C-alpha atoms as a PDB file:
ATOM      1  CA  MET A   1     -41.837 143.574 267.600  1.00  0.00           C
ATOM      2  CA  ASP A   2     -38.835 143.260 265.273  1.00  0.00           C
ATOM      3  CA  ILE A   3     -37.634 139.991 263.722  1.00  0.00           C
ATOM      4  CA  ILE A   4     -34.652 139.635 266.075  1.00  0.00           C
ATOM      5  CA  SER A   5     -36.903 139.928 269.139  1.00  0.00           C
ATOM      6  CA  GLU A   6     -39.421 137.512 267.625  1.00  0.00           C
ATOM      7  CA  LYS A   7     -36.683 134.965 267.040  1.00  0.00           C
ATOM      8  CA  LYS A   8     -35.410 135.335 270.609  1.00  0.00           C
ATOM      9  CA  ASN A   9     -38.912 134.670 271.926  1.00  0.00           C
ATOM     10  CA  VAL A  10     -39.323 131.590 269.742  1.00  0.00           C
ATOM     11  CA  ARG A  11     -35.896 130.280 270.797  1.00  0.00           C
ATOM     12  CA  ARG A  12     -36.793 130.674 274.460  1.00  0.00           C
ATOM     13  CA  GLU A  13     -40.149 128.945 274.044  1.00  0.00           C
ATOM     14  CA  MET A  14     -38.694 126.056 272.053  1.00  0.00           C
ATOM     15  CA  LYS A  15     -35.831 125.535 274.506  1.00  0.00           C
ATOM     16  CA  GLN A  16     -38.374 125.316 277.327  1.00  0.00           C
ATOM     17  CA  LEU A  17     -40.479 122.883 275.308  1.00  0.00           C
ATOM     18  CA  ARG A  18     -37.459 120.723 274.484  1.00  0.00           C
ATOM     19  CA  ALA A  19     -36.394 120.614 278.136  1.00  0.00           C
ATOM     20  CA  SER A  20     -39.897 119.571 279.198  1.00  0.00           C
ATOM     21  CA  ILE A  21     -39.927 116.323 277.192  1.00  0.00           C
ATOM     22  CA  PRO A  22     -39.390 113.307 279.508  1.00  0.00           C
ATOM     23  CA  PRO A  23     -36.281 111.210 278.699  1.00  0.00           C
ATOM     24  CA  ASP A  24     -38.249 108.084 277.730  1.00  0.00           C
ATOM     25  CA  GLU A  25     -40.426 110.076 275.317  1.00  0.00           C
ATOM     26  CA  LYS A  26     -37.352 111.805 273.886  1.00  0.00           C
ATOM     27  CA  HIS A  27     -35.764 108.395 273.286  1.00  0.00           C
ATOM     28  CA  SER A  28     -38.900 107.090 271.584  1.00  0.00           C
ATOM     29  CA  LEU A  29     -39.123 110.155 269.324  1.00  0.00           C
ATOM     30  CA  ALA A  30     -35.468 109.801 268.319  1.00  0.00           C
ATOM     31  CA  ILE A  31     -35.987 106.159 267.342  1.00  0.00           C
ATOM     32  CA  LYS A  32     -38.994 107.000 265.154  1.00  0.00           C
ATOM     33  CA  MET A  33     -37.196 109.937 263.537  1.00  0.00           C
ATOM     34  CA  ARG A  34     -34.170 107.936 262.516  1.00  0.00           C
ATOM     35  CA  GLU A  35     -36.280 104.962 261.377  1.00  0.00           C
ATOM     36  CA  ASN A  36     -38.107 107.315 259.005  1.00  0.00           C
ATOM     37  CA  LEU A  37     -34.794 108.692 257.812  1.00  0.00           C
ATOM     38  CA  PHE A  38     -33.281 105.254 257.161  1.00  0.00           C
ATOM     39  CA  ALA A  39     -36.386 104.082 255.289  1.00  0.00           C
ATOM     40  CA  SER A  40     -36.369 107.101 252.964  1.00  0.00           C
ATOM     41  CA  ASP A  41     -35.062 107.004 249.406  1.00  0.00           C
ATOM     42  CA  ILE A  42     -33.171 110.223 250.033  1.00  0.00           C
ATOM     43  CA  TYR A  43     -31.070 108.496 252.724  1.00  0.00           C
ATOM     44  CA  LYS A  44     -30.634 105.330 250.672  1.00  0.00           C
ATOM     45  CA  SER A  45     -29.345 107.268 247.662  1.00  0.00           C
ATOM     46  CA  ALA A  46     -27.058 109.561 249.677  1.00  0.00           C
ATOM     47  CA  GLU A  47     -23.349 108.846 249.364  1.00  0.00           C
ATOM     48  CA  LEU A  48     -22.274 111.422 251.960  1.00  0.00           C
ATOM     49  CA  ILE A  49     -24.101 112.176 255.209  1.00  0.00           C
ATOM     50  CA  LEU A  50     -23.417 115.516 256.924  1.00  0.00           C
ATOM     51  CA  THR A  51     -24.744 115.661 260.468  1.00  0.00           C
ATOM     52  CA  PHE A  52     -24.181 117.421 263.752  1.00  0.00           C
ATOM     53  CA  ILE A  53     -23.270 115.385 266.843  1.00  0.00           C
ATOM     54  CA  SER A  54     -26.129 115.912 269.258  1.00  0.00           C
ATOM     55  CA  VAL A  55     -25.549 117.349 272.724  1.00  0.00           C
ATOM     56  CA  GLY A  56     -27.850 118.150 275.633  1.00  0.00           C
ATOM     57  CA  ASP A  57     -31.532 118.149 274.719  1.00  0.00           C
ATOM     58  CA  GLU A  58     -30.964 117.793 270.968  1.00  0.00           C
ATOM     59  CA  PRO A  59     -32.446 114.736 269.230  1.00  0.00           C
ATOM     60  CA  ASP A  60     -29.870 111.948 269.109  1.00  0.00           C
ATOM     61  CA  THR A  61     -27.763 111.756 265.955  1.00  0.00           C
ATOM     62  CA  ARG A  62     -25.052 109.341 267.079  1.00  0.00           C
ATOM     63  CA  GLU A  63     -27.090 106.384 265.843  1.00  0.00           C
ATOM     64  CA  ILE A  64     -27.334 108.074 262.437  1.00  0.00           C
ATOM     65  CA  LEU A  65     -23.553 108.184 262.201  1.00  0.00           C
ATOM     66  CA  LYS A  66     -23.277 104.544 263.293  1.00  0.00           C
ATOM     67  CA  ARG A  67     -25.786 103.483 260.652  1.00  0.00           C
ATOM     68  CA  ALA A  68     -24.069 105.534 257.949  1.00  0.00           C
ATOM     69  CA  TRP A  69     -20.760 103.793 258.696  1.00  0.00           C
ATOM     70  CA  GLN A  70     -22.505 100.428 258.749  1.00  0.00           C
ATOM     71  CA  ASP A  71     -24.097 101.167 255.367  1.00  0.00           C
ATOM     72  CA  GLY A  72     -20.754 102.100 253.850  1.00  0.00           C
ATOM     73  CA  LYS A  73     -21.579 105.780 253.473  1.00  0.00           C
ATOM     74  CA  ALA A  74     -19.108 108.590 254.079  1.00  0.00           C
ATOM     75  CA  ALA A  75     -20.014 110.653 257.147  1.00  0.00           C
ATOM     76  CA  ALA A  76     -18.849 114.100 258.167  1.00  0.00           C
ATOM     77  CA  VAL A  77     -19.453 116.453 261.071  1.00  0.00           C
ATOM     78  CA  PRO A  78     -19.044 120.229 261.311  1.00  0.00           C
ATOM     79  CA  LYS A  79     -16.153 122.245 262.665  1.00  0.00           C
ATOM     80  CA  CYS A  80     -16.515 125.923 263.551  1.00  0.00           C
ATOM     81  CA  LEU A  81     -13.998 128.189 261.846  1.00  0.00           C
ATOM     82  CA  PRO A  82     -13.164 131.910 262.111  1.00  0.00           C
ATOM     83  CA  GLU A  83     -15.675 134.501 260.872  1.00  0.00           C
ATOM     84  CA  HIS A  84     -18.670 132.365 261.912  1.00  0.00           C
ATOM     85  CA  ARG A  85     -17.970 129.839 259.180  1.00  0.00           C
ATOM     86  CA  MET A  86     -18.040 126.069 259.361  1.00  0.00           C
ATOM     87  CA  GLU A  87     -16.933 123.162 257.203  1.00  0.00           C
ATOM     88  CA  PHE A  88     -17.591 119.434 257.433  1.00  0.00           C
ATOM     89  CA  PHE A  89     -14.808 116.909 257.997  1.00  0.00           C
ATOM     90  CA  LEU A  90     -14.931 113.155 257.476  1.00  0.00           C
ATOM     91  CA  ILE A  91     -14.875 110.899 260.532  1.00  0.00           C
ATOM     92  CA  ASP A  92     -14.743 107.107 260.735  1.00  0.00           C
ATOM     93  CA  SER A  93     -15.489 106.826 264.467  1.00  0.00           C
ATOM     94  CA  PHE A  94     -16.319 108.999 267.451  1.00  0.00           C
ATOM     95  CA  ASN A  95     -12.641 108.718 268.448  1.00  0.00           C
ATOM     96  CA  ASP A  96     -11.945 111.093 265.548  1.00  0.00           C
ATOM     97  CA  CYS A  97     -13.631 113.899 267.532  1.00  0.00           C
ATOM     98  CA  LYS A  98     -12.787 116.087 270.501  1.00  0.00           C
ATOM     99  CA  ASP A  99     -14.723 118.764 272.396  1.00  0.00           C
ATOM    100  CA  GLY A 100     -14.727 121.971 270.384  1.00  0.00           C
ATOM    101  CA  ALA A 101     -16.554 125.292 270.332  1.00  0.00           C
ATOM    102  CA  TYR A 102     -19.590 125.532 272.621  1.00  0.00           C
ATOM    103  CA  GLY A 103     -18.767 122.090 274.062  1.00  0.00           C
ATOM    104  CA  ILE A 104     -19.806 120.419 270.791  1.00  0.00           C
ATOM    105  CA  PRO A 105     -17.683 117.470 269.581  1.00  0.00           C
ATOM    106  CA  GLU A 106     -15.650 118.465 266.526  1.00  0.00           C
ATOM    107  CA  PRO A 107     -13.369 116.522 264.172  1.00  0.00           C
ATOM    108  CA  LYS A 108      -9.702 116.385 265.161  1.00  0.00           C
ATOM    109  CA  SER A 109      -7.059 118.140 263.104  1.00  0.00           C
ATOM    110  CA  PHE A 110      -6.081 115.044 261.098  1.00  0.00           C
ATOM    111  CA  CYS A 111      -9.591 114.636 259.639  1.00  0.00           C
ATOM    112  CA  ARG A 112      -9.986 115.373 255.936  1.00  0.00           C
ATOM    113  CA  LYS A 113     -12.386 118.023 254.689  1.00  0.00           C
ATOM    114  CA  ALA A 114     -15.425 116.445 253.035  1.00  0.00           C
ATOM    115  CA  ASP A 115     -16.053 117.026 249.338  1.00  0.00           C
ATOM    116  CA  VAL A 116     -19.617 118.371 249.462  1.00  0.00           C
ATOM    117  CA  THR A 117     -19.897 119.261 245.774  1.00  0.00           C
ATOM    118  CA  GLY A 118     -21.521 115.989 244.677  1.00  0.00           C
ATOM    119  CA  SER A 119     -25.163 115.395 243.825  1.00  0.00           C
ATOM    120  CA  ASN A 120     -25.892 112.828 246.551  1.00  0.00           C
ATOM    121  CA  VAL A 121     -25.096 114.801 249.704  1.00  0.00           C
ATOM    122  CA  LEU A 122     -27.580 114.817 252.587  1.00  0.00           C
ATOM    123  CA  CYS A 123     -27.216 117.351 255.400  1.00  0.00           C
ATOM    124  CA  ILE A 124     -29.165 116.813 258.616  1.00  0.00           C
ATOM    125  CA  VAL A 125     -29.710 120.257 260.100  1.00  0.00           C
ATOM    126  CA  PRO A 126     -30.347 121.060 263.773  1.00  0.00           C
ATOM    127  CA  GLY A 127     -32.644 123.803 264.963  1.00  0.00           C
ATOM    128  CA  LEU A 128     -35.067 124.970 267.598  1.00  0.00           C
ATOM    129  CA  ALA A 129     -38.088 125.659 265.376  1.00  0.00           C
ATOM    130  CA  PHE A 130     -39.084 124.955 261.782  1.00  0.00           C
ATOM    131  CA  ASP A 131     -42.011 125.633 259.478  1.00  0.00           C
ATOM    132  CA  ARG A 132     -43.268 123.902 256.368  1.00  0.00           C
ATOM    133  CA  THR A 133     -41.946 126.534 253.984  1.00  0.00           C
ATOM    134  CA  GLY A 134     -38.352 125.506 254.747  1.00  0.00           C
ATOM    135  CA  THR A 135     -37.500 128.231 257.255  1.00  0.00           C
ATOM    136  CA  ARG A 136     -35.769 127.394 260.546  1.00  0.00           C
ATOM    137  CA  ILE A 137     -34.543 129.038 263.701  1.00  0.00           C
ATOM    138  CA  GLY A 138     -31.153 127.809 264.825  1.00  0.00           C
ATOM    139  CA  TYR A 139     -29.057 128.926 267.754  1.00  0.00           C
ATOM    140  CA  GLY A 140     -28.240 132.359 266.365  1.00  0.00           C
ATOM    141  CA  GLY A 141     -24.743 131.908 264.967  1.00  0.00           C
ATOM    142  CA  GLY A 142     -25.726 131.706 261.307  1.00  0.00           C
ATOM    143  CA  TYR A 143     -23.250 128.863 260.638  1.00  0.00           C
ATOM    144  CA  TYR A 144     -25.654 126.646 258.705  1.00  0.00           C
ATOM    145  CA  ASP A 145     -27.104 129.535 256.701  1.00  0.00           C
ATOM    146  CA  ARG A 146     -23.638 130.562 255.529  1.00  0.00           C
ATOM    147  CA  PHE A 147     -22.644 126.984 254.743  1.00  0.00           C
ATOM    148  CA  LEU A 148     -25.829 126.089 252.858  1.00  0.00           C
ATOM    149  CA  LYS A 149     -25.785 129.345 250.902  1.00  0.00           C
ATOM    150  CA  SER A 150     -22.370 128.338 249.557  1.00  0.00           C
ATOM    151  CA  HIS A 151     -23.563 124.803 248.696  1.00  0.00           C
ATOM    152  CA  PRO A 152     -27.050 124.943 247.129  1.00  0.00           C
ATOM    153  CA  ASN A 153     -26.595 121.398 245.753  1.00  0.00           C
ATOM    154  CA  ILE A 154     -26.860 119.862 249.234  1.00  0.00           C
ATOM    155  CA  CYS A 155     -30.175 118.320 250.265  1.00  0.00           C
ATOM    156  CA  ALA A 156     -30.636 119.986 253.677  1.00  0.00           C
ATOM    157  CA  LEU A 157     -33.311 118.485 255.928  1.00  0.00           C
ATOM    158  CA  GLY A 158     -34.334 119.850 259.315  1.00  0.00           C
ATOM    159  CA  TYR A 159     -34.275 117.235 262.097  1.00  0.00           C
ATOM    160  CA  CYS A 160     -36.974 117.692 264.740  1.00  0.00           C
ATOM    161  CA  ALA A 161     -40.077 116.313 266.413  1.00  0.00           C
ATOM    162  CA  GLU A 162     -43.389 117.519 264.972  1.00  0.00           C
ATOM    163  CA  ARG A 163     -44.075 119.692 268.022  1.00  0.00           C
ATOM    164  CA  PHE A 164     -41.199 121.982 266.963  1.00  0.00           C
ATOM    165  CA  ILE A 165     -42.859 122.787 263.646  1.00  0.00           C
ATOM    166  CA  ILE A 166     -44.684 126.096 263.994  1.00  0.00           C
ATOM    167  CA  GLU A 167     -46.995 127.909 261.611  1.00  0.00           C
ATOM    168  CA  GLU A 168     -44.497 130.542 260.548  1.00  0.00           C
ATOM    169  CA  VAL A 169     -40.881 131.077 261.548  1.00  0.00           C
ATOM    170  CA  PRO A 170     -39.792 134.744 261.646  1.00  0.00           C
ATOM    171  CA  ARG A 171     -37.568 135.186 258.617  1.00  0.00           C
ATOM    172  CA  GLU A 172     -34.544 137.359 257.819  1.00  0.00           C
ATOM    173  CA  GLU A 173     -32.955 137.911 254.412  1.00  0.00           C
ATOM    174  CA  THR A 174     -29.915 135.875 255.432  1.00  0.00           C
ATOM    175  CA  ASP A 175     -31.991 132.768 256.263  1.00  0.00           C
ATOM    176  CA  ILE A 176     -31.519 129.901 253.803  1.00  0.00           C
ATOM    177  CA  ASP A 177     -34.432 127.587 253.065  1.00  0.00           C
ATOM    178  CA  LEU A 178     -34.175 123.907 253.865  1.00  0.00           C
ATOM    179  CA  TRP A 179     -35.298 121.246 251.401  1.00  0.00           C
ATOM    180  CA  GLY A 180     -37.589 119.582 253.908  1.00  0.00           C
ATOM    181  CA  LEU A 181     -37.962 117.948 257.307  1.00  0.00           C
ATOM    182  CA  ILE A 182     -37.362 114.677 259.107  1.00  0.00           C
ATOM    183  CA  THR A 183     -39.798 114.078 261.979  1.00  0.00           C
ATOM    184  CA  GLU A 184     -41.188 111.109 263.897  1.00  0.00           C
ATOM    185  CA  LYS A 185     -44.076 111.062 261.413  1.00  0.00           C
ATOM    186  CA  THR A 186     -42.518 111.651 258.019  1.00  0.00           C
ATOM    187  CA  VAL A 187     -39.626 112.638 255.796  1.00  0.00           C
ATOM    188  CA  GLU A 188     -40.697 115.608 253.672  1.00  0.00           C
ATOM    189  CA  VAL A 189     -38.531 116.685 250.758  1.00  0.00           C
ATOM    190  CA  LEU A 190     -40.506 119.546 249.324  1.00  0.00           C
ATOM    191  CA  TYR A 191     -40.446 123.328 249.108  1.00  0.00           C
ATOM    192  CA  GLY A 192     -39.775 123.474 245.390  1.00  0.00           C
ATOM    193  CA  LYS A 193     -36.280 122.057 245.730  1.00  0.00           C
ATOM    194  CA  GLN A 194     -36.662 118.417 244.806  1.00  0.00           C
ATOM    195  CA  GLN A 195     -39.288 115.751 245.393  1.00  0.00           C
ATOM    196  CA  ALA A 196     -38.129 112.619 247.202  1.00  0.00           C
ATOM    197  CA  LYS A 197     -36.968 110.043 244.680  1.00  0.00           C
END
């Protein structure tokens, strides 16, 4: 089986697994995940938080944005652009967003592009499956891989429950390694990139 087919199979299995989690358990997992994030030194030292706005069965990220604003951090969310690219734009409230591509909330046109060139930028990355070498399977568009390849300074952490970590994610040359993972059990910043401070 080729890599593309392997990835499709993993995506299907993980989507089924995600859909099978009862709402109360999903809520409990999300609370534990964000509590681990907020307690971590990597969050505390971050000046800019880049995160997706969760939809459907994705783990909740709205509370992460609320906490970032409360803590006086800059927060930005992605906007899809032509040629399968994306950039992050600063938002100060959910009113700064509207429904965009794929039904995902995106920043409105007046939002300023985030300066992601600093040394204290944390990106919370969605995905369907992850492994502990830093490889992930997203939704197939390649948006995050292209973005992270252009910004190797960004600390990119996968955001998932432990059950979505598999032994080995099928890997293509275009896949960009993450720095680590945020789960309900731990925040791991490993993989030869940088140890948690």
